[in-house]
Amino acid sequence: MSTATVKELRHEFPRVYAAARRAPVSITKQGKVIGTFDATPAPDPGWAPPDFTARSRAILGGKKRAIDIVKLWAGQASR
């Protein structure tokens, strides 16, 4: 593990970042380690869109409800 000072991190970030891509870099301030900079890419957790159909079934229990838009806008629809 290599080390870099806070000053080096601020002024020579591209060099420290390149070193951090290879291995974690200890960041020091006044000779004491205050953190570790690890720039290795995180694994992709994979994104899936929400399942709105399953959510709707869980809330409504599979019931379908007819809604009259005109009455809803007029404020006469039963809720």
PDB file of N, CA and C in Angstrom:
ATOM      1  N   MET A   1       0.849  -1.175   0.000  1.00  0.00           N
ATOM      2  CA  MET A   1       0.000   0.000   0.000  1.00  0.00           C
ATOM      3  C   MET A   1       0.893   1.236   0.000  1.00  0.00           C
ATOM      4  N   SER A   2       0.649   2.125  -0.941  1.00  0.00           N
ATOM      5  CA  SER A   2       1.432   3.351  -1.004  1.00  0.00           C
ATOM      6  C   SER A   2       0.778   4.427  -0.149  1.00  0.00           C
ATOM      7  N   THR A   3       1.495   5.527   0.062  1.00  0.00           N
ATOM      8  CA  THR A   3       0.965   6.618   0.881  1.00  0.00           C
ATOM      9  C   THR A   3       1.040   7.922   0.113  1.00  0.00           C
ATOM     10  N   ALA A   4       0.173   8.844   0.490  1.00  0.00           N
ATOM     11  CA  ALA A   4       0.171  10.189  -0.068  1.00  0.00           C
ATOM     12  C   ALA A   4      -0.306  11.129   1.030  1.00  0.00           C
ATOM     13  N   THR A   5       0.188  12.339   1.004  1.00  0.00           N
ATOM     14  CA  THR A   5      -0.252  13.332   1.985  1.00  0.00           C
ATOM     15  C   THR A   5      -1.509  14.017   1.465  1.00  0.00           C
ATOM     16  N   VAL A   6      -2.185  14.727   2.334  1.00  0.00           N
ATOM     17  CA  VAL A   6      -3.373  15.474   1.937  1.00  0.00           C
ATOM     18  C   VAL A   6      -3.008  16.502   0.876  1.00  0.00           C
ATOM     19  N   LYS A   7      -1.842  17.134   1.044  1.00  0.00           N
ATOM     20  CA  LYS A   7      -1.384  18.135   0.078  1.00  0.00           C
ATOM     21  C   LYS A   7      -1.183  17.494  -1.295  1.00  0.00           C
ATOM     22  N   GLU A   8      -0.561  16.311  -1.324  1.00  0.00           N
ATOM     23  CA  GLU A   8      -0.363  15.620  -2.604  1.00  0.00           C
ATOM     24  C   GLU A   8      -1.712  15.240  -3.221  1.00  0.00           C
ATOM     25  N   LEU A   9      -2.632  14.836  -2.380  1.00  0.00           N
ATOM     26  CA  LEU A   9      -3.951  14.471  -2.880  1.00  0.00           C
ATOM     27  C   LEU A   9      -4.635  15.664  -3.526  1.00  0.00           C
ATOM     28  N   ARG A  10      -4.503  16.839  -2.920  1.00  0.00           N
ATOM     29  CA  ARG A  10      -5.145  18.036  -3.463  1.00  0.00           C
ATOM     30  C   ARG A  10      -4.449  18.551  -4.713  1.00  0.00           C
ATOM     31  N   HIS A  11      -3.109  18.526  -4.732  1.00  0.00           N
ATOM     32  CA  HIS A  11      -2.369  19.145  -5.827  1.00  0.00           C
ATOM     33  C   HIS A  11      -1.992  18.183  -6.952  1.00  0.00           C
ATOM     34  N   GLU A  12      -1.906  16.898  -6.657  1.00  0.00           N
ATOM     35  CA  GLU A  12      -1.508  15.923  -7.669  1.00  0.00           C
ATOM     36  C   GLU A  12      -2.526  14.780  -7.721  1.00  0.00           C
ATOM     37  N   PHE A  13      -3.787  15.132  -7.769  1.00  0.00           N
ATOM     38  CA  PHE A  13      -4.836  14.130  -7.715  1.00  0.00           C
ATOM     39  C   PHE A  13      -4.746  13.078  -8.827  1.00  0.00           C
ATOM     40  N   PRO A  14      -4.488  13.450 -10.089  1.00  0.00           N
ATOM     41  CA  PRO A  14      -4.413  12.413 -11.125  1.00  0.00           C
ATOM     42  C   PRO A  14      -3.365  11.331 -10.839  1.00  0.00           C
ATOM     43  N   ARG A  15      -2.220  11.742 -10.296  1.00  0.00           N
ATOM     44  CA  ARG A  15      -1.176  10.758  -9.980  1.00  0.00           C
ATOM     45  C   ARG A  15      -1.608   9.848  -8.830  1.00  0.00           C
ATOM     46  N   VAL A  16      -2.223  10.435  -7.790  1.00  0.00           N
ATOM     47  CA  VAL A  16      -2.677   9.650  -6.645  1.00  0.00           C
ATOM     48  C   VAL A  16      -3.825   8.735  -7.075  1.00  0.00           C
ATOM     49  N   TYR A  17      -4.694   9.233  -7.930  1.00  0.00           N
ATOM     50  CA  TYR A  17      -5.811   8.428  -8.421  1.00  0.00           C
ATOM     51  C   TYR A  17      -5.307   7.230  -9.224  1.00  0.00           C
ATOM     52  N   ALA A  18      -4.308   7.458 -10.067  1.00  0.00           N
ATOM     53  CA  ALA A  18      -3.729   6.358 -10.849  1.00  0.00           C
ATOM     54  C   ALA A  18      -3.120   5.302  -9.929  1.00  0.00           C
ATOM     55  N   ALA A  19      -2.465   5.751  -8.861  1.00  0.00           N
ATOM     56  CA  ALA A  19      -1.892   4.801  -7.901  1.00  0.00           C
ATOM     57  C   ALA A  19      -2.999   4.057  -7.162  1.00  0.00           C
ATOM     58  N   ALA A  20      -4.084   4.742  -6.863  1.00  0.00           N
ATOM     59  CA  ALA A  20      -5.193   4.121  -6.147  1.00  0.00           C
ATOM     60  C   ALA A  20      -5.931   3.113  -7.014  1.00  0.00           C
ATOM     61  N   ARG A  21      -5.874   3.280  -8.333  1.00  0.00           N
ATOM     62  CA  ARG A  21      -6.496   2.290  -9.225  1.00  0.00           C
ATOM     63  C   ARG A  21      -5.740   0.967  -9.173  1.00  0.00           C
ATOM     64  N   ARG A  22      -4.439   1.029  -8.890  1.00  0.00           N
ATOM     65  CA  ARG A  22      -3.622  -0.188  -8.795  1.00  0.00           C
ATOM     66  C   ARG A  22      -3.734  -0.852  -7.430  1.00  0.00           C
ATOM     67  N   ALA A  23      -3.694  -0.052  -6.368  1.00  0.00           N
ATOM     68  CA  ALA A  23      -3.744  -0.575  -4.996  1.00  0.00           C
ATOM     69  C   ALA A  23      -4.215   0.550  -4.074  1.00  0.00           C
ATOM     70  N   PRO A  24      -4.797   0.225  -2.923  1.00  0.00           N
ATOM     71  CA  PRO A  24      -5.235   1.274  -1.991  1.00  0.00           C
ATOM     72  C   PRO A  24      -4.082   2.191  -1.557  1.00  0.00           C
ATOM     73  N   VAL A  25      -4.391   3.466  -1.385  1.00  0.00           N
ATOM     74  CA  VAL A  25      -3.395   4.474  -0.992  1.00  0.00           C
ATOM     75  C   VAL A  25      -3.787   5.021   0.372  1.00  0.00           C
ATOM     76  N   SER A  26      -2.842   5.010   1.317  1.00  0.00           N
ATOM     77  CA  SER A  26      -3.078   5.603   2.634  1.00  0.00           C
ATOM     78  C   SER A  26      -2.888   7.113   2.529  1.00  0.00           C
ATOM     79  N   ILE A  27      -3.820   7.867   3.067  1.00  0.00           N
ATOM     80  CA  ILE A  27      -3.737   9.324   3.070  1.00  0.00           C
ATOM     81  C   ILE A  27      -3.287   9.755   4.459  1.00  0.00           C
ATOM     82  N   THR A  28      -2.213  10.543   4.498  1.00  0.00           N
ATOM     83  CA  THR A  28      -1.666  10.973   5.782  1.00  0.00           C
ATOM     84  C   THR A  28      -1.761  12.485   5.936  1.00  0.00           C
ATOM     85  N   LYS A  29      -1.847  12.905   7.188  1.00  0.00           N
ATOM     86  CA  LYS A  29      -1.825  14.327   7.533  1.00  0.00           C
ATOM     87  C   LYS A  29      -0.984  14.460   8.781  1.00  0.00           C
ATOM     88  N   GLN A  30       0.066  15.234   8.701  1.00  0.00           N
ATOM     89  CA  GLN A  30       1.019  15.425   9.788  1.00  0.00           C
ATOM     90  C   GLN A  30       1.566  14.082  10.281  1.00  0.00           C
ATOM     91  N   GLY A  31       1.833  13.171   9.330  1.00  0.00           N
ATOM     92  CA  GLY A  31       2.444  11.892   9.647  1.00  0.00           C
ATOM     93  C   GLY A  31       1.500  10.820  10.162  1.00  0.00           C
ATOM     94  N   LYS A  32       0.209  11.148  10.310  1.00  0.00           N
ATOM     95  CA  LYS A  32      -0.761  10.171  10.803  1.00  0.00           C
ATOM     96  C   LYS A  32      -1.726   9.787   9.680  1.00  0.00           C
ATOM     97  N   VAL A  33      -2.025   8.514   9.584  1.00  0.00           N
ATOM     98  CA  VAL A  33      -2.966   8.044   8.566  1.00  0.00           C
ATOM     99  C   VAL A  33      -4.366   8.490   8.948  1.00  0.00           C
ATOM    100  N   ILE A  34      -5.016   9.219   8.029  1.00  0.00           N
ATOM    101  CA  ILE A  34      -6.377   9.699   8.300  1.00  0.00           C
ATOM    102  C   ILE A  34      -7.414   9.004   7.423  1.00  0.00           C
ATOM    103  N   GLY A  35      -6.956   8.221   6.433  1.00  0.00           N
ATOM    104  CA  GLY A  35      -7.918   7.529   5.581  1.00  0.00           C
ATOM    105  C   GLY A  35      -7.225   6.701   4.531  1.00  0.00           C
ATOM    106  N   THR A  36      -8.020   5.965   3.799  1.00  0.00           N
ATOM    107  CA  THR A  36      -7.521   5.141   2.718  1.00  0.00           C
ATOM    108  C   THR A  36      -8.318   5.461   1.467  1.00  0.00           C
ATOM    109  N   PHE A  37      -7.637   5.646   0.364  1.00  0.00           N
ATOM    110  CA  PHE A  37      -8.252   5.952  -0.920  1.00  0.00           C
ATOM    111  C   PHE A  37      -8.150   4.717  -1.796  1.00  0.00           C
ATOM    112  N   ASP A  38      -9.291   4.134  -2.111  1.00  0.00           N
ATOM    113  CA  ASP A  38      -9.335   2.930  -2.928  1.00  0.00           C
ATOM    114  C   ASP A  38     -10.205   3.228  -4.142  1.00  0.00           C
ATOM    115  N   ALA A  39      -9.609   3.300  -5.317  1.00  0.00           N
ATOM    116  CA  ALA A  39     -10.334   3.680  -6.525  1.00  0.00           C
ATOM    117  C   ALA A  39     -10.662   2.482  -7.406  1.00  0.00           C
ATOM    118  N   THR A  40     -10.626   1.284  -6.853  1.00  0.00           N
ATOM    119  CA  THR A  40     -11.003   0.135  -7.669  1.00  0.00           C
ATOM    120  C   THR A  40     -12.504   0.195  -7.912  1.00  0.00           C
ATOM    121  N   PRO A  41     -12.943  -0.123  -9.116  1.00  0.00           N
ATOM    122  CA  PRO A  41     -14.367  -0.004  -9.425  1.00  0.00           C
ATOM    123  C   PRO A  41     -15.213  -0.976  -8.590  1.00  0.00           C
ATOM    124  N   ALA A  42     -16.335  -0.488  -8.131  1.00  0.00           N
ATOM    125  CA  ALA A  42     -17.250  -1.323  -7.347  1.00  0.00           C
ATOM    126  C   ALA A  42     -17.997  -2.265  -8.288  1.00  0.00           C
ATOM    127  N   PRO A  43     -18.359  -3.434  -7.806  1.00  0.00           N
ATOM    128  CA  PRO A  43     -19.110  -4.342  -8.669  1.00  0.00           C
ATOM    129  C   PRO A  43     -20.491  -3.769  -8.976  1.00  0.00           C
ATOM    130  N   ASP A  44     -20.961  -3.998 -10.180  1.00  0.00           N
ATOM    131  CA  ASP A  44     -22.255  -3.491 -10.607  1.00  0.00           C
ATOM    132  C   ASP A  44     -23.358  -4.321  -9.964  1.00  0.00           C
ATOM    133  N   PRO A  45     -24.194  -3.703  -9.114  1.00  0.00           N
ATOM    134  CA  PRO A  45     -25.230  -4.483  -8.451  1.00  0.00           C
ATOM    135  C   PRO A  45     -26.344  -4.900  -9.406  1.00  0.00           C
ATOM    136  N   GLY A  46     -26.377  -4.311 -10.571  1.00  0.00           N
ATOM    137  CA  GLY A  46     -27.437  -4.614 -11.526  1.00  0.00           C
ATOM    138  C   GLY A  46     -28.712  -3.892 -11.127  1.00  0.00           C
ATOM    139  N   TRP A  47     -29.310  -3.242 -12.065  1.00  0.00           N
ATOM    140  CA  TRP A  47     -30.516  -2.487 -11.783  1.00  0.00           C
ATOM    141  C   TRP A  47     -31.679  -3.164 -12.475  1.00  0.00           C
ATOM    142  N   ALA A  48     -32.760  -3.301 -11.774  1.00  0.00           N
ATOM    143  CA  ALA A  48     -33.973  -3.853 -12.353  1.00  0.00           C
ATOM    144  C   ALA A  48     -35.106  -2.859 -12.110  1.00  0.00           C
ATOM    145  N   PRO A  49     -35.929  -2.648 -13.113  1.00  0.00           N
ATOM    146  CA  PRO A  49     -37.044  -1.717 -12.908  1.00  0.00           C
ATOM    147  C   PRO A  49     -38.034  -2.292 -11.901  1.00  0.00           C
ATOM    148  N   PRO A  50     -38.767  -1.436 -11.191  1.00  0.00           N
ATOM    149  CA  PRO A  50     -39.731  -1.919 -10.213  1.00  0.00           C
ATOM    150  C   PRO A  50     -40.849  -2.722 -10.888  1.00  0.00           C
ATOM    151  N   ASP A  51     -41.342  -3.720 -10.200  1.00  0.00           N
ATOM    152  CA  ASP A  51     -42.428  -4.542 -10.717  1.00  0.00           C
ATOM    153  C   ASP A  51     -43.754  -3.941 -10.251  1.00  0.00           C
ATOM    154  N   PHE A  52     -44.297  -3.044 -11.075  1.00  0.00           N
ATOM    155  CA  PHE A  52     -45.520  -2.343 -10.701  1.00  0.00           C
ATOM    156  C   PHE A  52     -46.729  -3.275 -10.679  1.00  0.00           C
ATOM    157  N   THR A  53     -46.723  -4.300 -11.513  1.00  0.00           N
ATOM    158  CA  THR A  53     -47.834  -5.244 -11.525  1.00  0.00           C
ATOM    159  C   THR A  53     -47.906  -5.997 -10.202  1.00  0.00           C
ATOM    160  N   ALA A  54     -46.775  -6.497  -9.709  1.00  0.00           N
ATOM    161  CA  ALA A  54     -46.756  -7.208  -8.428  1.00  0.00           C
ATOM    162  C   ALA A  54     -47.135  -6.268  -7.285  1.00  0.00           C
ATOM    163  N   ARG A  55     -46.676  -5.041  -7.362  1.00  0.00           N
ATOM    164  CA  ARG A  55     -47.001  -4.070  -6.327  1.00  0.00           C
ATOM    165  C   ARG A  55     -48.509  -3.791  -6.302  1.00  0.00           C
ATOM    166  N   SER A  56     -49.087  -3.658  -7.496  1.00  0.00           N
ATOM    167  CA  SER A  56     -50.522  -3.416  -7.611  1.00  0.00           C
ATOM    168  C   SER A  56     -51.308  -4.600  -7.067  1.00  0.00           C
ATOM    169  N   ARG A  57     -50.891  -5.816  -7.393  1.00  0.00           N
ATOM    170  CA  ARG A  57     -51.585  -7.006  -6.880  1.00  0.00           C
ATOM    171  C   ARG A  57     -51.493  -7.085  -5.359  1.00  0.00           C
ATOM    172  N   ALA A  58     -50.351  -6.713  -4.801  1.00  0.00           N
ATOM    173  CA  ALA A  58     -50.189  -6.753  -3.353  1.00  0.00           C
ATOM    174  C   ALA A  58     -51.109  -5.748  -2.673  1.00  0.00           C
ATOM    175  N   ILE A  59     -51.305  -4.601  -3.294  1.00  0.00           N
ATOM    176  CA  ILE A  59     -52.142  -3.562  -2.685  1.00  0.00           C
ATOM    177  C   ILE A  59     -53.619  -3.837  -2.915  1.00  0.00           C
ATOM    178  N   LEU A  60     -53.984  -4.165  -4.155  1.00  0.00           N
ATOM    179  CA  LEU A  60     -55.390  -4.313  -4.504  1.00  0.00           C
ATOM    180  C   LEU A  60     -55.898  -5.746  -4.399  1.00  0.00           C
ATOM    181  N   GLY A  61     -55.009  -6.706  -4.284  1.00  0.00           N
ATOM    182  CA  GLY A  61     -55.429  -8.091  -4.192  1.00  0.00           C
ATOM    183  C   GLY A  61     -55.936  -8.652  -5.505  1.00  0.00           C
ATOM    184  N   GLY A  62     -55.519  -8.133  -6.619  1.00  0.00           N
ATOM    185  CA  GLY A  62     -55.932  -8.651  -7.917  1.00  0.00           C
ATOM    186  C   GLY A  62     -57.233  -8.054  -8.419  1.00  0.00           C
ATOM    187  N   LYS A  63     -57.873  -7.192  -7.635  1.00  0.00           N
ATOM    188  CA  LYS A  63     -59.134  -6.575  -8.071  1.00  0.00           C
ATOM    189  C   LYS A  63     -58.840  -5.471  -9.074  1.00  0.00           C
ATOM    190  N   LYS A  64     -59.683  -5.379 -10.045  1.00  0.00           N
ATOM    191  CA  LYS A  64     -59.586  -4.264 -10.986  1.00  0.00           C
ATOM    192  C   LYS A  64     -60.783  -3.371 -10.748  1.00  0.00           C
ATOM    193  N   ARG A  65     -60.557  -2.097 -10.833  1.00  0.00           N
ATOM    194  CA  ARG A  65     -61.600  -1.143 -10.524  1.00  0.00           C
ATOM    195  C   ARG A  65     -61.793  -0.225 -11.704  1.00  0.00           C
ATOM    196  N   ALA A  66     -63.033  -0.103 -12.149  1.00  0.00           N
ATOM    197  CA  ALA A  66     -63.329   0.809 -13.248  1.00  0.00           C
ATOM    198  C   ALA A  66     -63.448   2.220 -12.690  1.00  0.00           C
ATOM    199  N   ILE A  67     -62.807   3.145 -13.334  1.00  0.00           N
ATOM    200  CA  ILE A  67     -62.843   4.538 -12.886  1.00  0.00           C
ATOM    201  C   ILE A  67     -63.413   5.377 -14.021  1.00  0.00           C
ATOM    202  N   ASP A  68     -64.424   6.136 -13.716  1.00  0.00           N
ATOM    203  CA  ASP A  68     -65.000   7.044 -14.698  1.00  0.00           C
ATOM    204  C   ASP A  68     -64.276   8.384 -14.550  1.00  0.00           C
ATOM    205  N   ILE A  69     -63.448   8.691 -15.508  1.00  0.00           N
ATOM    206  CA  ILE A  69     -62.604   9.893 -15.442  1.00  0.00           C
ATOM    207  C   ILE A  69     -63.443  11.166 -15.358  1.00  0.00           C
ATOM    208  N   VAL A  70     -64.537  11.222 -16.100  1.00  0.00           N
ATOM    209  CA  VAL A  70     -65.363  12.428 -16.110  1.00  0.00           C
ATOM    210  C   VAL A  70     -65.937  12.679 -14.717  1.00  0.00           C
ATOM    211  N   LYS A  71     -66.437  11.613 -14.067  1.00  0.00           N
ATOM    212  CA  LYS A  71     -66.976  11.780 -12.715  1.00  0.00           C
ATOM    213  C   LYS A  71     -65.872  12.113 -11.719  1.00  0.00           C
ATOM    214  N   LEU A  72     -64.695  11.527 -11.945  1.00  0.00           N
ATOM    215  CA  LEU A  72     -63.571  11.799 -11.051  1.00  0.00           C
ATOM    216  C   LEU A  72     -63.190  13.265 -11.112  1.00  0.00           C
ATOM    217  N   TRP A  73     -63.149  13.810 -12.321  1.00  0.00           N
ATOM    218  CA  TRP A  73     -62.804  15.227 -12.470  1.00  0.00           C
ATOM    219  C   TRP A  73     -63.898  16.125 -11.892  1.00  0.00           C
ATOM    220  N   ALA A  74     -65.128  15.669 -11.981  1.00  0.00           N
ATOM    221  CA  ALA A  74     -66.245  16.474 -11.474  1.00  0.00           C
ATOM    222  C   ALA A  74     -66.364  16.344  -9.963  1.00  0.00           C
ATOM    223  N   GLY A  75     -65.614  15.405  -9.363  1.00  0.00           N
ATOM    224  CA  GLY A  75     -65.656  15.231  -7.921  1.00  0.00           C
ATOM    225  C   GLY A  75     -66.782  14.348  -7.447  1.00  0.00           C
ATOM    226  N   GLN A  76     -67.382  13.576  -8.383  1.00  0.00           N
ATOM    227  CA  GLN A  76     -68.519  12.749  -8.033  1.00  0.00           C
ATOM    228  C   GLN A  76     -68.169  11.273  -7.911  1.00  0.00           C
ATOM    229  N   ALA A  77     -66.940  10.893  -8.191  1.00  0.00           N
ATOM    230  CA  ALA A  77     -66.573   9.475  -8.160  1.00  0.00           C
ATOM    231  C   ALA A  77     -66.478   8.988  -6.725  1.00  0.00           C
ATOM    232  N   SER A  78     -66.883   7.750  -6.524  1.00  0.00           N
ATOM    233  CA  SER A  78     -66.735   7.166  -5.185  1.00  0.00           C
ATOM    234  C   SER A  78     -65.301   6.705  -4.998  1.00  0.00           C
ATOM    235  N   ARG A  79     -64.747   6.989  -3.854  1.00  0.00           N
ATOM    236  CA  ARG A  79     -63.349   6.641  -3.629  1.00  0.00           C
ATOM    237  C   ARG A  79     -63.237   5.540  -2.695  1.00  0.00           C
TER     238      ARG A  79
END
